[in-house]
Amino acid sequence: MGTRLDGPLNIVMSMVLGVFLVVYAAGVWRMKRYALVLAFIYAAHVTINIIVFPIRYRGEDNGPILLQVMFTVLALAIPWTAATVLWHRRAELA
Protein backbone atom coordinates (compact mmCIF):
# COMPACT_ATOMS: atom_id res chain seq x y z
CA MET A 1 0.00 0.00 0.00
CA GLY A 2 1.50 3.29 -1.10
CA THR A 3 4.75 1.68 -2.22
CA ARG A 4 6.48 1.57 -5.59
CA LEU A 5 7.15 -2.05 -6.37
CA ASP A 6 9.78 -3.52 -8.68
CA GLY A 7 11.01 -6.89 -9.79
CA PRO A 8 9.04 -10.10 -9.34
CA LEU A 9 6.82 -8.64 -6.60
CA ASN A 10 5.64 -5.97 -9.03
CA ILE A 11 4.68 -8.64 -11.57
CA VAL A 12 2.83 -10.76 -9.02
CA MET A 13 0.92 -7.84 -7.51
CA SER A 14 0.06 -6.51 -10.98
CA MET A 15 -1.47 -9.87 -11.86
CA VAL A 16 -3.39 -10.04 -8.56
CA LEU A 17 -4.81 -6.54 -9.09
CA GLY A 18 -5.55 -7.34 -12.74
CA VAL A 19 -7.55 -10.44 -11.81
CA PHE A 20 -9.38 -8.48 -9.11
CA LEU A 21 -10.32 -5.77 -11.61
CA VAL A 22 -11.46 -8.31 -14.23
CA VAL A 23 -13.70 -10.03 -11.66
CA TYR A 24 -15.01 -6.63 -10.51
CA ALA A 25 -15.69 -5.51 -14.11
CA ALA A 26 -17.47 -8.79 -14.89
CA GLY A 27 -19.61 -8.32 -11.79
CA VAL A 28 -20.56 -4.79 -12.82
CA TRP A 29 -21.25 -5.84 -16.41
CA ARG A 30 -23.49 -8.70 -15.26
CA MET A 31 -24.99 -6.64 -12.38
CA LYS A 32 -23.97 -9.15 -9.70
CA ARG A 33 -24.27 -8.33 -6.00
CA TYR A 34 -20.61 -9.15 -5.31
CA ALA A 35 -19.61 -6.19 -7.54
CA LEU A 36 -20.92 -3.83 -4.86
CA VAL A 37 -18.55 -5.29 -2.27
CA LEU A 38 -15.63 -5.23 -4.69
CA ALA A 39 -16.44 -1.62 -5.62
CA PHE A 40 -16.11 -0.46 -2.02
CA ILE A 41 -12.98 -2.57 -1.44
CA TYR A 42 -11.33 -1.05 -4.52
CA ALA A 43 -12.41 2.50 -3.66
CA ALA A 44 -11.00 2.10 -0.14
CA HIS A 45 -7.77 0.64 -1.56
CA VAL A 46 -7.34 3.60 -3.92
CA THR A 47 -8.09 6.08 -1.13
CA ILE A 48 -5.51 4.53 1.19
CA ASN A 49 -2.90 4.54 -1.57
CA ILE A 50 -3.63 8.19 -2.41
CA ILE A 51 -3.06 9.10 1.25
CA VAL A 52 -0.03 6.88 1.98
CA PHE A 53 1.96 7.36 -1.25
CA PRO A 54 2.80 11.07 -0.84
CA ILE A 55 3.66 10.53 2.82
CA ARG A 56 6.00 7.67 2.01
CA TYR A 57 7.68 9.44 -0.92
CA ARG A 58 7.77 12.96 0.54
CA GLY A 59 10.66 14.99 -0.79
CA GLU A 60 11.00 12.97 -3.98
CA ASP A 61 10.12 14.27 -7.42
CA ASN A 62 6.65 12.88 -8.08
CA GLY A 63 5.93 15.13 -11.03
CA PRO A 64 4.26 18.51 -11.45
CA ILE A 65 1.80 19.47 -8.72
CA LEU A 66 -0.98 20.11 -11.25
CA LEU A 67 -0.63 16.55 -12.56
CA GLN A 68 -0.66 15.19 -9.02
CA VAL A 69 -3.85 17.11 -8.19
CA MET A 70 -5.59 16.01 -11.40
CA PHE A 71 -4.54 12.39 -10.79
CA THR A 72 -5.80 12.51 -7.19
CA VAL A 73 -9.17 13.96 -8.17
CA LEU A 74 -9.75 11.39 -10.92
CA ALA A 75 -8.30 8.50 -8.90
CA LEU A 76 -10.78 9.20 -6.10
CA ALA A 77 -13.77 10.28 -8.19
CA ILE A 78 -13.92 7.30 -10.54
CA PRO A 79 -13.98 4.36 -8.08
CA TRP A 80 -16.15 6.20 -5.53
CA THR A 81 -18.63 7.18 -8.25
CA ALA A 82 -18.81 3.57 -9.41
CA ALA A 83 -19.36 2.37 -5.84
CA THR A 84 -22.05 5.01 -5.27
CA VAL A 85 -23.88 4.17 -8.49
CA LEU A 86 -23.84 0.47 -7.63
CA TRP A 87 -25.07 1.30 -4.10
CA HIS A 88 -28.02 3.25 -5.52
CA ARG A 89 -28.82 0.40 -7.91
CA ARG A 90 -28.28 -2.38 -5.36
CA ALA A 91 -31.91 -3.52 -5.67
CA GLU A 92 -31.22 -4.42 -9.30
CA LEU A 93 -28.15 -6.54 -8.50
CA ALA A 94 -28.63 -10.28 -8.78
C-alpha atoms as a PDB file:
ATOM      1  CA  MET A   1       0.000   0.000   0.000  1.00  0.00           C
ATOM      2  CA  GLY A   2       1.498   3.287  -1.099  1.00  0.00           C
ATOM      3  CA  THR A   3       4.751   1.677  -2.220  1.00  0.00           C
ATOM      4  CA  ARG A   4       6.481   1.571  -5.588  1.00  0.00           C
ATOM      5  CA  LEU A   5       7.152  -2.052  -6.367  1.00  0.00           C
ATOM      6  CA  ASP A   6       9.775  -3.517  -8.677  1.00  0.00           C
ATOM      7  CA  GLY A   7      11.006  -6.894  -9.794  1.00  0.00           C
ATOM      8  CA  PRO A   8       9.036 -10.099  -9.338  1.00  0.00           C
ATOM      9  CA  LEU A   9       6.818  -8.643  -6.604  1.00  0.00           C
ATOM     10  CA  ASN A  10       5.635  -5.969  -9.034  1.00  0.00           C
ATOM     11  CA  ILE A  11       4.685  -8.645 -11.572  1.00  0.00           C
ATOM     12  CA  VAL A  12       2.829 -10.758  -9.024  1.00  0.00           C
ATOM     13  CA  MET A  13       0.917  -7.838  -7.510  1.00  0.00           C
ATOM     14  CA  SER A  14       0.060  -6.513 -10.984  1.00  0.00           C
ATOM     15  CA  MET A  15      -1.467  -9.870 -11.858  1.00  0.00           C
ATOM     16  CA  VAL A  16      -3.389 -10.038  -8.564  1.00  0.00           C
ATOM     17  CA  LEU A  17      -4.806  -6.543  -9.093  1.00  0.00           C
ATOM     18  CA  GLY A  18      -5.550  -7.338 -12.741  1.00  0.00           C
ATOM     19  CA  VAL A  19      -7.550 -10.442 -11.808  1.00  0.00           C
ATOM     20  CA  PHE A  20      -9.382  -8.482  -9.106  1.00  0.00           C
ATOM     21  CA  LEU A  21     -10.325  -5.768 -11.614  1.00  0.00           C
ATOM     22  CA  VAL A  22     -11.459  -8.309 -14.230  1.00  0.00           C
ATOM     23  CA  VAL A  23     -13.704 -10.029 -11.665  1.00  0.00           C
ATOM     24  CA  TYR A  24     -15.006  -6.626 -10.513  1.00  0.00           C
ATOM     25  CA  ALA A  25     -15.690  -5.507 -14.114  1.00  0.00           C
ATOM     26  CA  ALA A  26     -17.473  -8.787 -14.893  1.00  0.00           C
ATOM     27  CA  GLY A  27     -19.613  -8.320 -11.792  1.00  0.00           C
ATOM     28  CA  VAL A  28     -20.556  -4.794 -12.820  1.00  0.00           C
ATOM     29  CA  TRP A  29     -21.246  -5.840 -16.406  1.00  0.00           C
ATOM     30  CA  ARG A  30     -23.485  -8.703 -15.261  1.00  0.00           C
ATOM     31  CA  MET A  31     -24.991  -6.635 -12.380  1.00  0.00           C
ATOM     32  CA  LYS A  32     -23.974  -9.150  -9.705  1.00  0.00           C
ATOM     33  CA  ARG A  33     -24.269  -8.335  -6.003  1.00  0.00           C
ATOM     34  CA  TYR A  34     -20.606  -9.148  -5.312  1.00  0.00           C
ATOM     35  CA  ALA A  35     -19.611  -6.192  -7.538  1.00  0.00           C
ATOM     36  CA  LEU A  36     -20.916  -3.829  -4.861  1.00  0.00           C
ATOM     37  CA  VAL A  37     -18.550  -5.290  -2.269  1.00  0.00           C
ATOM     38  CA  LEU A  38     -15.625  -5.226  -4.694  1.00  0.00           C
ATOM     39  CA  ALA A  39     -16.440  -1.616  -5.617  1.00  0.00           C
ATOM     40  CA  PHE A  40     -16.107  -0.464  -2.018  1.00  0.00           C
ATOM     41  CA  ILE A  41     -12.985  -2.569  -1.443  1.00  0.00           C
ATOM     42  CA  TYR A  42     -11.333  -1.054  -4.523  1.00  0.00           C
ATOM     43  CA  ALA A  43     -12.409   2.500  -3.663  1.00  0.00           C
ATOM     44  CA  ALA A  44     -11.002   2.097  -0.140  1.00  0.00           C
ATOM     45  CA  HIS A  45      -7.767   0.640  -1.556  1.00  0.00           C
ATOM     46  CA  VAL A  46      -7.338   3.598  -3.915  1.00  0.00           C
ATOM     47  CA  THR A  47      -8.088   6.085  -1.135  1.00  0.00           C
ATOM     48  CA  ILE A  48      -5.514   4.529   1.195  1.00  0.00           C
ATOM     49  CA  ASN A  49      -2.900   4.537  -1.574  1.00  0.00           C
ATOM     50  CA  ILE A  50      -3.625   8.186  -2.409  1.00  0.00           C
ATOM     51  CA  ILE A  51      -3.059   9.098   1.253  1.00  0.00           C
ATOM     52  CA  VAL A  52      -0.033   6.881   1.976  1.00  0.00           C
ATOM     53  CA  PHE A  53       1.964   7.362  -1.245  1.00  0.00           C
ATOM     54  CA  PRO A  54       2.804  11.072  -0.836  1.00  0.00           C
ATOM     55  CA  ILE A  55       3.659  10.528   2.822  1.00  0.00           C
ATOM     56  CA  ARG A  56       5.999   7.672   2.008  1.00  0.00           C
ATOM     57  CA  TYR A  57       7.685   9.443  -0.921  1.00  0.00           C
ATOM     58  CA  ARG A  58       7.768  12.964   0.539  1.00  0.00           C
ATOM     59  CA  GLY A  59      10.661  14.992  -0.791  1.00  0.00           C
ATOM     60  CA  GLU A  60      11.003  12.968  -3.983  1.00  0.00           C
ATOM     61  CA  ASP A  61      10.117  14.270  -7.423  1.00  0.00           C
ATOM     62  CA  ASN A  62       6.649  12.876  -8.079  1.00  0.00           C
ATOM     63  CA  GLY A  63       5.928  15.130 -11.032  1.00  0.00           C
ATOM     64  CA  PRO A  64       4.259  18.509 -11.454  1.00  0.00           C
ATOM     65  CA  ILE A  65       1.805  19.470  -8.721  1.00  0.00           C
ATOM     66  CA  LEU A  66      -0.983  20.105 -11.254  1.00  0.00           C
ATOM     67  CA  LEU A  67      -0.625  16.553 -12.559  1.00  0.00           C
ATOM     68  CA  GLN A  68      -0.660  15.187  -9.016  1.00  0.00           C
ATOM     69  CA  VAL A  69      -3.847  17.111  -8.188  1.00  0.00           C
ATOM     70  CA  MET A  70      -5.592  16.007 -11.399  1.00  0.00           C
ATOM     71  CA  PHE A  71      -4.542  12.394 -10.788  1.00  0.00           C
ATOM     72  CA  THR A  72      -5.796  12.513  -7.192  1.00  0.00           C
ATOM     73  CA  VAL A  73      -9.174  13.961  -8.170  1.00  0.00           C
ATOM     74  CA  LEU A  74      -9.747  11.387 -10.916  1.00  0.00           C
ATOM     75  CA  ALA A  75      -8.300   8.498  -8.895  1.00  0.00           C
ATOM     76  CA  LEU A  76     -10.780   9.202  -6.097  1.00  0.00           C
ATOM     77  CA  ALA A  77     -13.769  10.276  -8.192  1.00  0.00           C
ATOM     78  CA  ILE A  78     -13.924   7.298 -10.540  1.00  0.00           C
ATOM     79  CA  PRO A  79     -13.980   4.361  -8.081  1.00  0.00           C
ATOM     80  CA  TRP A  80     -16.149   6.200  -5.530  1.00  0.00           C
ATOM     81  CA  THR A  81     -18.630   7.184  -8.247  1.00  0.00           C
ATOM     82  CA  ALA A  82     -18.813   3.570  -9.414  1.00  0.00           C
ATOM     83  CA  ALA A  83     -19.356   2.371  -5.843  1.00  0.00           C
ATOM     84  CA  THR A  84     -22.047   5.006  -5.268  1.00  0.00           C
ATOM     85  CA  VAL A  85     -23.881   4.171  -8.486  1.00  0.00           C
ATOM     86  CA  LEU A  86     -23.836   0.467  -7.626  1.00  0.00           C
ATOM     87  CA  TRP A  87     -25.073   1.299  -4.097  1.00  0.00           C
ATOM     88  CA  HIS A  88     -28.020   3.254  -5.518  1.00  0.00           C
ATOM     89  CA  ARG A  89     -28.820   0.404  -7.907  1.00  0.00           C
ATOM     90  CA  ARG A  90     -28.279  -2.383  -5.357  1.00  0.00           C
ATOM     91  CA  ALA A  91     -31.913  -3.523  -5.666  1.00  0.00           C
ATOM     92  CA  GLU A  92     -31.216  -4.419  -9.297  1.00  0.00           C
ATOM     93  CA  LEU A  93     -28.155  -6.536  -8.498  1.00  0.00           C
ATOM     94  CA  ALA A  94     -28.629 -10.285  -8.779  1.00  0.00           C
END
